[in-house]
Structure formats: structure tokens, C-alpha cells
Amino acid sequence: MKSQVYIISALVFALLIAVFAVINVEPVSVNYLFVTTDSPLIIVILSSALFGSLMTGGFSIYHLIKLRKHMRLLEKENRNLKTNQVFQSHIEADEIDEIELIEE
């Protein structure tokens, strides 16, 4: 059922984009730094949206990589702390045994 909803919503979205493309076919001048070109408005809009989504995805991937690296460091620190805690508890148990022996 979930896949059917996904397919229907994708078809509706594609239909809306097709209608939007047919409506916005008039040429517009796009001024780059050294060159000016005439392109259909829909191409300009879609390429801008595509470039924006690629930039957003790139920044998200970069942030995700940084977070994973930080998570690995924290997991390593956590393992070290657990190891030290177990070692420390063994030392404390030995010290308690020594104190009990001295008191006896």
C-alpha cells in the first residue's frame, strides 16, 4: 500500500512539473559573468533547483561524515572509560580486601 501511495504521488508531482514546464517556455536572458544566453524559463528554474539540492546534499554528506567521525571517537573513549572502570573496580576490591586483612 505504501508503495502505491509513493507511485501515485510521484506521478502527480511529475504531472505538475510537466504543466509548469508547458506554461513557462518563454525565453529569458541569463547573464553569467562573461556570457549572456537565452534559455527557457523552466530550464533556468529546474537547473537552479537541481544545483541547490546538490549543494544541500553535499553539505549534508559533509556534516554526516563529521558526525560519524565524532561518534567513532566518542565510542572509543567510552570503551576506554569502561575498561578503566573495570580495572579501577578490581583495584578497589583488592584494596578493600587488604584493609580487611589489616583490621583482622
C-alpha atoms as a PDB file:
ATOM      1  CA  MET A   1       0.000   0.000   0.000  1.00  0.00           C
ATOM      2  CA  LYS A   2       2.817   2.343   0.881  1.00  0.00           C
ATOM      3  CA  SER A   3       4.498   1.838  -2.500  1.00  0.00           C
ATOM      4  CA  GLN A   4       1.237   2.589  -4.320  1.00  0.00           C
ATOM      5  CA  VAL A   5       0.907   5.899  -2.486  1.00  0.00           C
ATOM      6  CA  TYR A   6       4.517   6.686  -3.382  1.00  0.00           C
ATOM      7  CA  ILE A   7       3.938   5.915  -7.085  1.00  0.00           C
ATOM      8  CA  ILE A   8       0.730   7.950  -7.238  1.00  0.00           C
ATOM      9  CA  SER A   9       2.322  10.936  -5.505  1.00  0.00           C
ATOM     10  CA  ALA A  10       5.336  10.723  -7.852  1.00  0.00           C
ATOM     11  CA  LEU A  11       3.010  10.702 -10.880  1.00  0.00           C
ATOM     12  CA  VAL A  12       1.069  13.706  -9.565  1.00  0.00           C
ATOM     13  CA  PHE A  13       4.326  15.553  -8.927  1.00  0.00           C
ATOM     14  CA  ALA A  14       5.579  14.710 -12.447  1.00  0.00           C
ATOM     15  CA  LEU A  15       2.283  15.945 -13.911  1.00  0.00           C
ATOM     16  CA  LEU A  16       2.584  19.232 -12.010  1.00  0.00           C
ATOM     17  CA  ILE A  17       6.142  19.707 -13.278  1.00  0.00           C
ATOM     18  CA  ALA A  18       5.025  18.974 -16.848  1.00  0.00           C
ATOM     19  CA  VAL A  19       2.228  21.564 -16.605  1.00  0.00           C
ATOM     20  CA  PHE A  20       4.666  24.048 -15.068  1.00  0.00           C
ATOM     21  CA  ALA A  21       7.129  23.387 -17.918  1.00  0.00           C
ATOM     22  CA  VAL A  22       4.489  23.945 -20.607  1.00  0.00           C
ATOM     23  CA  ILE A  23       3.394  27.226 -19.020  1.00  0.00           C
ATOM     24  CA  ASN A  24       6.935  28.621 -18.617  1.00  0.00           C
ATOM     25  CA  VAL A  25       8.507  28.190 -22.043  1.00  0.00           C
ATOM     26  CA  GLU A  26       9.250  31.851 -22.799  1.00  0.00           C
ATOM     27  CA  PRO A  27      12.959  32.572 -23.165  1.00  0.00           C
ATOM     28  CA  VAL A  28      14.779  34.609 -20.538  1.00  0.00           C
ATOM     29  CA  SER A  29      18.247  36.139 -20.647  1.00  0.00           C
ATOM     30  CA  VAL A  30      20.668  34.631 -18.184  1.00  0.00           C
ATOM     31  CA  ASN A  31      23.730  36.779 -17.569  1.00  0.00           C
ATOM     32  CA  TYR A  32      26.768  34.809 -16.485  1.00  0.00           C
ATOM     33  CA  LEU A  33      29.968  36.670 -15.671  1.00  0.00           C
ATOM     34  CA  PHE A  34      31.227  36.913 -19.242  1.00  0.00           C
ATOM     35  CA  VAL A  35      28.427  35.406 -21.340  1.00  0.00           C
ATOM     36  CA  THR A  36      24.709  36.086 -21.756  1.00  0.00           C
ATOM     37  CA  THR A  37      22.437  33.299 -23.005  1.00  0.00           C
ATOM     38  CA  ASP A  38      18.744  32.948 -23.730  1.00  0.00           C
ATOM     39  CA  SER A  39      17.140  29.871 -22.177  1.00  0.00           C
ATOM     40  CA  PRO A  40      13.578  28.774 -21.475  1.00  0.00           C
ATOM     41  CA  LEU A  41      12.435  29.829 -18.025  1.00  0.00           C
ATOM     42  CA  ILE A  42      11.692  26.255 -16.949  1.00  0.00           C
ATOM     43  CA  ILE A  43      15.285  25.217 -17.699  1.00  0.00           C
ATOM     44  CA  VAL A  44      16.584  28.082 -15.578  1.00  0.00           C
ATOM     45  CA  ILE A  45      14.228  27.235 -12.705  1.00  0.00           C
ATOM     46  CA  LEU A  46      14.884  23.481 -12.793  1.00  0.00           C
ATOM     47  CA  SER A  47      18.650  23.865 -13.106  1.00  0.00           C
ATOM     48  CA  SER A  48      18.663  26.303 -10.178  1.00  0.00           C
ATOM     49  CA  ALA A  49      16.611  23.877  -8.083  1.00  0.00           C
ATOM     50  CA  LEU A  50      18.854  20.971  -9.080  1.00  0.00           C
ATOM     51  CA  PHE A  51      22.022  22.913  -8.248  1.00  0.00           C
ATOM     52  CA  GLY A  52      20.540  23.978  -4.908  1.00  0.00           C
ATOM     53  CA  SER A  53      19.586  20.425  -3.996  1.00  0.00           C
ATOM     54  CA  LEU A  54      23.045  19.158  -4.982  1.00  0.00           C
ATOM     55  CA  MET A  55      24.664  21.822  -2.799  1.00  0.00           C
ATOM     56  CA  THR A  56      22.371  20.962   0.113  1.00  0.00           C
ATOM     57  CA  GLY A  57      23.088  17.254  -0.321  1.00  0.00           C
ATOM     58  CA  GLY A  58      26.827  17.895  -0.450  1.00  0.00           C
ATOM     59  CA  PHE A  59      26.776  19.914   2.754  1.00  0.00           C
ATOM     60  CA  SER A  60      24.608  17.268   4.422  1.00  0.00           C
ATOM     61  CA  ILE A  61      27.025  14.500   3.446  1.00  0.00           C
ATOM     62  CA  TYR A  62      29.973  16.542   4.753  1.00  0.00           C
ATOM     63  CA  HIS A  63      28.161  17.133   8.051  1.00  0.00           C
ATOM     64  CA  LEU A  64      27.234  13.432   8.271  1.00  0.00           C
ATOM     65  CA  ILE A  65      30.875  12.402   7.773  1.00  0.00           C
ATOM     66  CA  LYS A  66      31.978  14.786  10.536  1.00  0.00           C
ATOM     67  CA  LEU A  67      29.306  13.422  12.890  1.00  0.00           C
ATOM     68  CA  ARG A  68      30.285   9.803  12.199  1.00  0.00           C
ATOM     69  CA  LYS A  69      33.939  10.602  12.868  1.00  0.00           C
ATOM     70  CA  HIS A  70      32.990  12.308  16.130  1.00  0.00           C
ATOM     71  CA  MET A  71      30.776   9.347  17.069  1.00  0.00           C
ATOM     72  CA  ARG A  72      33.645   6.891  16.484  1.00  0.00           C
ATOM     73  CA  LEU A  73      35.902   8.980  18.730  1.00  0.00           C
ATOM     74  CA  LEU A  74      33.244   9.061  21.455  1.00  0.00           C
ATOM     75  CA  GLU A  75      32.678   5.298  21.184  1.00  0.00           C
ATOM     76  CA  LYS A  76      36.419   4.709  21.517  1.00  0.00           C
ATOM     77  CA  GLU A  77      36.543   6.990  24.557  1.00  0.00           C
ATOM     78  CA  ASN A  78      33.542   5.165  26.036  1.00  0.00           C
ATOM     79  CA  ARG A  79      35.249   1.780  25.587  1.00  0.00           C
ATOM     80  CA  ASN A  80      38.407   3.133  27.227  1.00  0.00           C
ATOM     81  CA  LEU A  81      36.413   4.511  30.153  1.00  0.00           C
ATOM     82  CA  LYS A  82      34.585   1.206  30.625  1.00  0.00           C
ATOM     83  CA  THR A  83      37.896  -0.670  30.572  1.00  0.00           C
ATOM     84  CA  ASN A  84      39.396   1.737  33.097  1.00  0.00           C
ATOM     85  CA  GLN A  85      36.284   1.486  35.272  1.00  0.00           C
ATOM     86  CA  VAL A  86      36.519  -2.319  35.371  1.00  0.00           C
ATOM     87  CA  PHE A  87      40.231  -2.075  36.127  1.00  0.00           C
ATOM     88  CA  GLN A  88      39.554   0.548  38.813  1.00  0.00           C
ATOM     89  CA  SER A  89      36.853  -1.608  40.425  1.00  0.00           C
ATOM     90  CA  HIS A  90      39.306  -4.538  40.618  1.00  0.00           C
ATOM     91  CA  ILE A  91      41.868  -2.287  42.283  1.00  0.00           C
ATOM     92  CA  GLU A  92      39.275  -1.020  44.779  1.00  0.00           C
ATOM     93  CA  ALA A  93      38.196  -4.583  45.574  1.00  0.00           C
ATOM     94  CA  ASP A  94      41.824  -5.557  46.219  1.00  0.00           C
ATOM     95  CA  GLU A  95      42.299  -2.502  48.451  1.00  0.00           C
ATOM     96  CA  ILE A  96      39.169  -3.402  50.449  1.00  0.00           C
ATOM     97  CA  ASP A  97      40.479  -6.956  50.899  1.00  0.00           C
ATOM     98  CA  GLU A  98      43.818  -5.574  52.122  1.00  0.00           C
ATOM     99  CA  ILE A  99      42.084  -3.243  54.583  1.00  0.00           C
ATOM    100  CA  GLU A 100      40.000  -6.129  55.928  1.00  0.00           C
ATOM    101  CA  LEU A 101      43.141  -8.233  56.349  1.00  0.00           C
ATOM    102  CA  ILE A 102      44.891  -5.412  58.189  1.00  0.00           C
ATOM    103  CA  GLU A 103      41.924  -4.888  60.525  1.00  0.00           C
ATOM    104  CA  GLU A 104      41.800  -8.563  61.408  1.00  0.00           C
END
